Amino acid sequence: MNSWQLLPAIRELYSRRPEYFHHEAWELQHVLFSLGYTYALADEAEISAALEVARGDYPQWRSAA
C-alpha cells in the first residue's frame, strides 16, 4: 500500500476521529490496521508521506508558524 492509497484512509480517520491528528506515523500504523482502514500493517514511511499531505488539508489544525 503506497501513500496515495493511504491518503483517503487517513483523511477519513481524521474526519471521524480528530483526536488522532497529532499522533505520529508509528502510532497510526497500528490504529489504521486495528480500525480496519488497512488489511496489513502499512509501511511507516508511506504513512508519513500521506500524513504530510493530509495535515495540509486542515489549515485550522496546523500550528501557527
N, C-alpha and C. Protein backbone atom coordinates (compact mmCIF):
# COMPACT_ATOMS: atom_id res chain seq x y z
N MET A 1 0.85 -1.17 0.00
CA MET A 1 0.00 0.00 0.00
C MET A 1 0.90 1.24 0.00
N ASN A 2 0.68 2.14 -0.96
CA ASN A 2 1.51 3.34 -1.02
C ASN A 2 0.80 4.52 -0.38
N SER A 3 1.50 5.66 -0.32
CA SER A 3 0.96 6.82 0.39
C SER A 3 -0.31 7.36 -0.24
N TRP A 4 -0.44 7.22 -1.59
CA TRP A 4 -1.67 7.72 -2.23
C TRP A 4 -2.87 6.84 -1.93
N GLN A 5 -2.63 5.59 -1.63
CA GLN A 5 -3.72 4.72 -1.22
C GLN A 5 -4.07 4.94 0.26
N LEU A 6 -3.10 5.36 1.04
CA LEU A 6 -3.33 5.63 2.45
C LEU A 6 -4.01 6.97 2.69
N LEU A 7 -3.82 7.90 1.78
CA LEU A 7 -4.33 9.26 1.96
C LEU A 7 -5.84 9.29 2.24
N PRO A 8 -6.69 8.63 1.46
CA PRO A 8 -8.12 8.66 1.77
C PRO A 8 -8.45 8.05 3.14
N ALA A 9 -7.71 7.02 3.52
CA ALA A 9 -7.94 6.39 4.82
C ALA A 9 -7.59 7.34 5.95
N ILE A 10 -6.48 8.05 5.81
CA ILE A 10 -6.06 8.98 6.85
C ILE A 10 -7.02 10.17 6.92
N ARG A 11 -7.46 10.66 5.77
CA ARG A 11 -8.44 11.76 5.77
C ARG A 11 -9.73 11.34 6.47
N GLU A 12 -10.19 10.13 6.20
CA GLU A 12 -11.41 9.66 6.86
C GLU A 12 -11.19 9.49 8.36
N LEU A 13 -10.04 8.94 8.74
CA LEU A 13 -9.71 8.79 10.15
C LEU A 13 -9.73 10.15 10.85
N TYR A 14 -9.12 11.15 10.25
CA TYR A 14 -9.10 12.49 10.85
C TYR A 14 -10.49 13.11 10.93
N SER A 15 -11.33 12.86 9.94
CA SER A 15 -12.66 13.45 9.98
C SER A 15 -13.56 12.75 11.01
N ARG A 16 -13.38 11.44 11.19
CA ARG A 16 -14.21 10.71 12.15
C ARG A 16 -13.65 10.75 13.57
N ARG A 17 -12.33 10.80 13.67
CA ARG A 17 -11.67 10.75 14.98
C ARG A 17 -10.53 11.79 15.02
N PRO A 18 -10.87 13.06 15.17
CA PRO A 18 -9.85 14.12 15.12
C PRO A 18 -8.81 14.03 16.24
N GLU A 19 -9.06 13.24 17.26
CA GLU A 19 -8.08 13.10 18.33
C GLU A 19 -6.79 12.43 17.86
N TYR A 20 -6.83 11.77 16.71
CA TYR A 20 -5.64 11.12 16.17
C TYR A 20 -4.77 12.06 15.32
N PHE A 21 -5.18 13.30 15.16
CA PHE A 21 -4.47 14.23 14.28
C PHE A 21 -3.01 14.41 14.67
N HIS A 22 -2.71 14.44 15.95
CA HIS A 22 -1.34 14.72 16.39
C HIS A 22 -0.52 13.46 16.67
N HIS A 23 -1.02 12.31 16.31
CA HIS A 23 -0.26 11.07 16.50
C HIS A 23 0.82 10.95 15.43
N GLU A 24 1.88 10.28 15.78
CA GLU A 24 2.99 10.04 14.85
C GLU A 24 2.66 8.85 13.95
N ALA A 25 3.46 8.72 12.89
CA ALA A 25 3.23 7.66 11.91
C ALA A 25 3.30 6.27 12.54
N TRP A 26 4.25 6.06 13.43
CA TRP A 26 4.38 4.73 14.05
C TRP A 26 3.17 4.41 14.92
N GLU A 27 2.51 5.42 15.48
CA GLU A 27 1.30 5.18 16.26
C GLU A 27 0.10 4.90 15.35
N LEU A 28 0.02 5.62 14.25
CA LEU A 28 -1.09 5.44 13.32
C LEU A 28 -1.00 4.13 12.55
N GLN A 29 0.19 3.56 12.46
CA GLN A 29 0.36 2.29 11.77
C GLN A 29 -0.58 1.24 12.38
N HIS A 30 -0.60 1.15 13.67
CA HIS A 30 -1.46 0.18 14.35
C HIS A 30 -2.91 0.63 14.35
N VAL A 31 -3.16 1.92 14.50
CA VAL A 31 -4.54 2.44 14.52
C VAL A 31 -5.24 2.14 13.20
N LEU A 32 -4.57 2.42 12.08
CA LEU A 32 -5.18 2.18 10.77
C LEU A 32 -5.50 0.70 10.58
N PHE A 33 -4.61 -0.16 11.04
CA PHE A 33 -4.84 -1.60 10.92
C PHE A 33 -5.97 -2.05 11.86
N SER A 34 -5.94 -1.61 13.09
CA SER A 34 -6.92 -2.04 14.09
C SER A 34 -8.34 -1.59 13.76
N LEU A 35 -8.46 -0.39 13.19
CA LEU A 35 -9.79 0.13 12.86
C LEU A 35 -10.28 -0.33 11.49
N GLY A 36 -9.48 -1.14 10.80
CA GLY A 36 -9.91 -1.72 9.54
C GLY A 36 -9.69 -0.85 8.31
N TYR A 37 -8.88 0.20 8.43
CA TYR A 37 -8.60 1.04 7.27
C TYR A 37 -7.59 0.38 6.33
N THR A 38 -6.76 -0.50 6.86
CA THR A 38 -5.81 -1.26 6.04
C THR A 38 -5.93 -2.73 6.41
N TYR A 39 -5.53 -3.60 5.48
CA TYR A 39 -5.62 -5.04 5.72
C TYR A 39 -4.32 -5.62 6.24
N ALA A 40 -3.26 -4.82 6.22
CA ALA A 40 -1.96 -5.22 6.75
C ALA A 40 -1.30 -3.98 7.32
N LEU A 41 -0.29 -4.17 8.13
CA LEU A 41 0.41 -3.01 8.67
C LEU A 41 1.12 -2.27 7.54
N ALA A 42 0.81 -1.02 7.40
CA ALA A 42 1.41 -0.20 6.33
C ALA A 42 2.81 0.24 6.74
N ASP A 43 3.62 0.52 5.75
CA ASP A 43 4.98 0.98 5.99
C ASP A 43 4.95 2.37 6.63
N GLU A 44 5.77 2.57 7.65
CA GLU A 44 5.79 3.83 8.38
C GLU A 44 6.15 5.01 7.47
N ALA A 45 7.06 4.80 6.53
CA ALA A 45 7.47 5.88 5.61
C ALA A 45 6.30 6.29 4.71
N GLU A 46 5.51 5.33 4.28
CA GLU A 46 4.34 5.63 3.45
C GLU A 46 3.29 6.40 4.25
N ILE A 47 3.12 6.02 5.50
CA ILE A 47 2.17 6.74 6.36
C ILE A 47 2.65 8.17 6.58
N SER A 48 3.94 8.36 6.79
CA SER A 48 4.50 9.70 6.99
C SER A 48 4.25 10.59 5.78
N ALA A 49 4.43 10.05 4.60
CA ALA A 49 4.20 10.83 3.38
C ALA A 49 2.72 11.22 3.25
N ALA A 50 1.84 10.30 3.55
CA ALA A 50 0.40 10.59 3.48
C ALA A 50 -0.01 11.58 4.57
N LEU A 51 0.62 11.50 5.73
CA LEU A 51 0.31 12.43 6.82
C LEU A 51 0.63 13.87 6.44
N GLU A 52 1.75 14.08 5.78
CA GLU A 52 2.13 15.43 5.37
C GLU A 52 1.06 16.06 4.48
N VAL A 53 0.55 15.28 3.56
CA VAL A 53 -0.49 15.78 2.65
C VAL A 53 -1.80 15.97 3.41
N ALA A 54 -2.19 14.99 4.20
CA ALA A 54 -3.47 15.06 4.91
C ALA A 54 -3.49 16.21 5.91
N ARG A 55 -2.40 16.43 6.59
CA ARG A 55 -2.37 17.52 7.57
C ARG A 55 -2.42 18.88 6.89
N GLY A 56 -1.99 18.97 5.66
CA GLY A 56 -2.10 20.21 4.91
C GLY A 56 -3.53 20.52 4.49
N ASP A 57 -4.39 19.51 4.53
CA ASP A 57 -5.81 19.68 4.17
C ASP A 57 -6.60 20.41 5.24
N TYR A 58 -6.06 20.48 6.44
CA TYR A 58 -6.77 21.06 7.57
C TYR A 58 -5.99 22.25 8.11
N PRO A 59 -6.04 23.40 7.42
CA PRO A 59 -5.22 24.54 7.84
C PRO A 59 -5.56 25.05 9.24
N GLN A 60 -6.78 24.85 9.68
CA GLN A 60 -7.16 25.31 11.02
C GLN A 60 -6.50 24.47 12.10
N TRP A 61 -5.97 23.28 11.76
CA TRP A 61 -5.32 22.43 12.74
C TRP A 61 -3.81 22.57 12.72
N ARG A 62 -3.27 23.27 11.72
CA ARG A 62 -1.82 23.44 11.66
C ARG A 62 -1.38 24.40 12.74
N SER A 63 -0.16 24.20 13.22
CA SER A 63 0.37 25.12 14.22
C SER A 63 0.72 26.43 13.55
N ALA A 64 0.57 27.51 14.26
CA ALA A 64 0.89 28.83 13.73
C ALA A 64 2.39 28.95 13.59
N ALA A 65 2.85 29.35 12.42
CA ALA A 65 4.29 29.45 12.17
C ALA A 65 4.73 30.87 12.15
